Amino acid sequence: MKKLLGSLYLSLAASIWGGMYVVVKAVVDLVPPLELVWFRYVIAICALLMIGVTTKQSWRIEKRDWPSIIIIGLIGNTLSIVTQEVGTMLSTAQTGAIITSTTPAFMVLFARIF
């Protein structure tokens, strides 16, 4: 049952991830990329807070982990998402999806370095 549920969650995540480029391409004509990023973060924070409270997650973060979290947040999330949405605005949703689908390969390389 866990494998089936895991497969369903992964399929849902892949569908959302893949559909994001089409939505960004359509919405970016109305909402600038930077504002769109902030909307995404607000929605993500609300979702994560609901899930975290529901599953009674520990919110404790060690002091020594804060510099890494800040660097990852600035480069890995903020810079990455903003450039991704600007690139999708200037290009096509298909090109954005193809280029960004290489993300796992870069994650492996950078995770090894980091």
C-alpha atoms as a PDB file:
ATOM      1  CA  MET A   1       0.000   0.000   0.000  1.00  0.00           C
ATOM      2  CA  LYS A   2       2.876   2.391   0.821  1.00  0.00           C
ATOM      3  CA  LYS A   3       4.475   1.838  -2.591  1.00  0.00           C
ATOM      4  CA  LEU A   4       1.191   2.556  -4.344  1.00  0.00           C
ATOM      5  CA  LEU A   5       0.613   5.695  -2.303  1.00  0.00           C
ATOM      6  CA  GLY A   6       4.229   6.788  -2.886  1.00  0.00           C
ATOM      7  CA  SER A   7       3.813   6.262  -6.628  1.00  0.00           C
ATOM      8  CA  LEU A   8       0.616   8.308  -6.638  1.00  0.00           C
ATOM      9  CA  TYR A   9       2.279  11.173  -4.766  1.00  0.00           C
ATOM     10  CA  LEU A  10       5.277  11.131  -7.098  1.00  0.00           C
ATOM     11  CA  SER A  11       3.017  11.104 -10.158  1.00  0.00           C
ATOM     12  CA  LEU A  12       1.033  14.031  -8.763  1.00  0.00           C
ATOM     13  CA  ALA A  13       4.228  15.979  -8.049  1.00  0.00           C
ATOM     14  CA  ALA A  14       5.563  15.301 -11.566  1.00  0.00           C
ATOM     15  CA  SER A  15       2.247  16.403 -13.090  1.00  0.00           C
ATOM     16  CA  ILE A  16       2.217  19.620 -11.101  1.00  0.00           C
ATOM     17  CA  TRP A  17       5.882  20.270 -11.931  1.00  0.00           C
ATOM     18  CA  GLY A  18       5.350  19.632 -15.654  1.00  0.00           C
ATOM     19  CA  GLY A  19       2.184  21.708 -15.857  1.00  0.00           C
ATOM     20  CA  MET A  20       3.817  24.627 -14.090  1.00  0.00           C
ATOM     21  CA  TYR A  21       5.560  25.881 -17.241  1.00  0.00           C
ATOM     22  CA  VAL A  22       2.340  26.156 -19.215  1.00  0.00           C
ATOM     23  CA  VAL A  23       0.696  28.044 -16.348  1.00  0.00           C
ATOM     24  CA  VAL A  24       3.707  30.354 -15.892  1.00  0.00           C
ATOM     25  CA  LYS A  25       3.776  31.114 -19.621  1.00  0.00           C
ATOM     26  CA  ALA A  26       0.086  32.066 -19.543  1.00  0.00           C
ATOM     27  CA  VAL A  27       0.179  34.006 -16.271  1.00  0.00           C
ATOM     28  CA  VAL A  28       3.466  35.865 -16.792  1.00  0.00           C
ATOM     29  CA  ASP A  29       1.765  38.096 -19.374  1.00  0.00           C
ATOM     30  CA  LEU A  30      -0.470  39.406 -16.581  1.00  0.00           C
ATOM     31  CA  VAL A  31       1.738  39.112 -13.491  1.00  0.00           C
ATOM     32  CA  PRO A  32       5.467  39.998 -13.511  1.00  0.00           C
ATOM     33  CA  PRO A  33       7.818  37.056 -12.724  1.00  0.00           C
ATOM     34  CA  LEU A  34       9.003  38.430  -9.369  1.00  0.00           C
ATOM     35  CA  GLU A  35       5.455  38.895  -8.093  1.00  0.00           C
ATOM     36  CA  LEU A  36       4.572  35.423  -9.359  1.00  0.00           C
ATOM     37  CA  VAL A  37       7.464  33.981  -7.343  1.00  0.00           C
ATOM     38  CA  TRP A  38       6.131  35.675  -4.198  1.00  0.00           C
ATOM     39  CA  PHE A  39       2.648  34.271  -4.840  1.00  0.00           C
ATOM     40  CA  ARG A  40       4.159  30.808  -5.161  1.00  0.00           C
ATOM     41  CA  TYR A  41       6.058  31.218  -1.897  1.00  0.00           C
ATOM     42  CA  VAL A  42       2.985  32.404   0.003  1.00  0.00           C
ATOM     43  CA  ILE A  43       0.979  29.423  -1.244  1.00  0.00           C
ATOM     44  CA  ALA A  44       3.862  27.045  -0.450  1.00  0.00           C
ATOM     45  CA  ILE A  45       4.295  28.434   3.073  1.00  0.00           C
ATOM     46  CA  CYS A  46       0.584  28.057   3.800  1.00  0.00           C
ATOM     47  CA  ALA A  47       0.586  24.476   2.499  1.00  0.00           C
ATOM     48  CA  LEU A  48       3.738  23.529   4.425  1.00  0.00           C
ATOM     49  CA  LEU A  49       2.426  25.081   7.642  1.00  0.00           C
ATOM     50  CA  MET A  50      -0.840  23.146   7.344  1.00  0.00           C
ATOM     51  CA  ILE A  51       1.001  19.889   6.656  1.00  0.00           C
ATOM     52  CA  GLY A  52       3.555  20.561   9.406  1.00  0.00           C
ATOM     53  CA  VAL A  53       0.905  21.320  12.028  1.00  0.00           C
ATOM     54  CA  THR A  54      -1.253  18.375  10.956  1.00  0.00           C
ATOM     55  CA  THR A  55       1.659  15.912  11.142  1.00  0.00           C
ATOM     56  CA  LYS A  56       3.116  17.551  14.291  1.00  0.00           C
ATOM     57  CA  GLN A  57       6.536  18.251  12.788  1.00  0.00           C
ATOM     58  CA  SER A  58       9.383  19.588  14.881  1.00  0.00           C
ATOM     59  CA  TRP A  59      10.238  23.174  13.893  1.00  0.00           C
ATOM     60  CA  ARG A  60      13.595  23.202  15.684  1.00  0.00           C
ATOM     61  CA  ILE A  61      16.604  24.141  13.540  1.00  0.00           C
ATOM     62  CA  GLU A  62      20.144  23.953  14.859  1.00  0.00           C
ATOM     63  CA  LYS A  63      22.058  27.247  14.917  1.00  0.00           C
ATOM     64  CA  ARG A  64      24.892  25.803  12.841  1.00  0.00           C
ATOM     65  CA  ASP A  65      22.432  24.960  10.020  1.00  0.00           C
ATOM     66  CA  TRP A  66      21.173  28.541   9.493  1.00  0.00           C
ATOM     67  CA  PRO A  67      23.991  29.712   7.145  1.00  0.00           C
ATOM     68  CA  SER A  68      23.445  26.699   4.865  1.00  0.00           C
ATOM     69  CA  ILE A  69      19.675  27.202   4.882  1.00  0.00           C
ATOM     70  CA  ILE A  70      20.049  30.888   3.973  1.00  0.00           C
ATOM     71  CA  ILE A  71      22.506  30.160   1.124  1.00  0.00           C
ATOM     72  CA  ILE A  72      20.313  27.372  -0.248  1.00  0.00           C
ATOM     73  CA  GLY A  73      17.253  29.606   0.023  1.00  0.00           C
ATOM     74  CA  LEU A  74      18.842  32.509  -1.814  1.00  0.00           C
ATOM     75  CA  ILE A  75      20.543  30.562  -4.582  1.00  0.00           C
ATOM     76  CA  GLY A  76      18.572  27.340  -4.836  1.00  0.00           C
ATOM     77  CA  ASN A  77      15.115  28.805  -4.499  1.00  0.00           C
ATOM     78  CA  THR A  78      14.951  32.544  -5.022  1.00  0.00           C
ATOM     79  CA  LEU A  79      17.518  32.990  -7.804  1.00  0.00           C
ATOM     80  CA  SER A  80      16.603  29.708  -9.466  1.00  0.00           C
ATOM     81  CA  ILE A  81      12.845  30.281  -9.522  1.00  0.00           C
ATOM     82  CA  VAL A  82      13.095  33.926 -10.610  1.00  0.00           C
ATOM     83  CA  THR A  83      15.450  33.119 -13.495  1.00  0.00           C
ATOM     84  CA  GLN A  84      13.326  30.108 -14.423  1.00  0.00           C
ATOM     85  CA  GLU A  85      10.164  32.215 -14.687  1.00  0.00           C
ATOM     86  CA  VAL A  86      11.884  35.060 -16.539  1.00  0.00           C
ATOM     87  CA  GLY A  87      13.335  32.475 -18.934  1.00  0.00           C
ATOM     88  CA  THR A  88       9.896  30.951 -19.474  1.00  0.00           C
ATOM     89  CA  MET A  89       8.506  34.449 -20.114  1.00  0.00           C
ATOM     90  CA  LEU A  90      11.181  35.132 -22.753  1.00  0.00           C
ATOM     91  CA  SER A  91      11.063  31.660 -24.299  1.00  0.00           C
ATOM     92  CA  THR A  92       8.426  28.949 -24.588  1.00  0.00           C
ATOM     93  CA  ALA A  93       6.897  26.695 -21.964  1.00  0.00           C
ATOM     94  CA  GLN A  94       8.249  23.652 -23.824  1.00  0.00           C
ATOM     95  CA  THR A  95      11.824  24.963 -23.822  1.00  0.00           C
ATOM     96  CA  GLY A  96      11.552  25.859 -20.137  1.00  0.00           C
ATOM     97  CA  ALA A  97      10.258  22.404 -19.280  1.00  0.00           C
ATOM     98  CA  ILE A  98      13.035  20.663 -21.224  1.00  0.00           C
ATOM     99  CA  ILE A  99      15.818  22.779 -19.753  1.00  0.00           C
ATOM    100  CA  THR A 100      14.516  22.609 -16.206  1.00  0.00           C
ATOM    101  CA  SER A 101      13.989  18.851 -16.430  1.00  0.00           C
ATOM    102  CA  THR A 102      17.772  18.639 -16.174  1.00  0.00           C
ATOM    103  CA  THR A 103      17.435  19.891 -12.590  1.00  0.00           C
ATOM    104  CA  PRO A 104      17.949  16.440 -11.003  1.00  0.00           C
ATOM    105  CA  ALA A 105      21.293  16.061 -12.774  1.00  0.00           C
ATOM    106  CA  PHE A 106      22.479  19.429 -11.477  1.00  0.00           C
ATOM    107  CA  MET A 107      21.138  18.612  -8.009  1.00  0.00           C
ATOM    108  CA  VAL A 108      23.346  15.526  -7.889  1.00  0.00           C
ATOM    109  CA  LEU A 109      26.421  17.503  -8.957  1.00  0.00           C
ATOM    110  CA  PHE A 110      25.843  20.408  -6.576  1.00  0.00           C
ATOM    111  CA  ALA A 111      24.843  18.139  -3.675  1.00  0.00           C
ATOM    112  CA  ARG A 112      28.150  16.351  -4.025  1.00  0.00           C
ATOM    113  CA  ILE A 113      30.026  19.664  -3.871  1.00  0.00           C
ATOM    114  CA  PHE A 114      27.901  21.117  -1.091  1.00  0.00           C
END
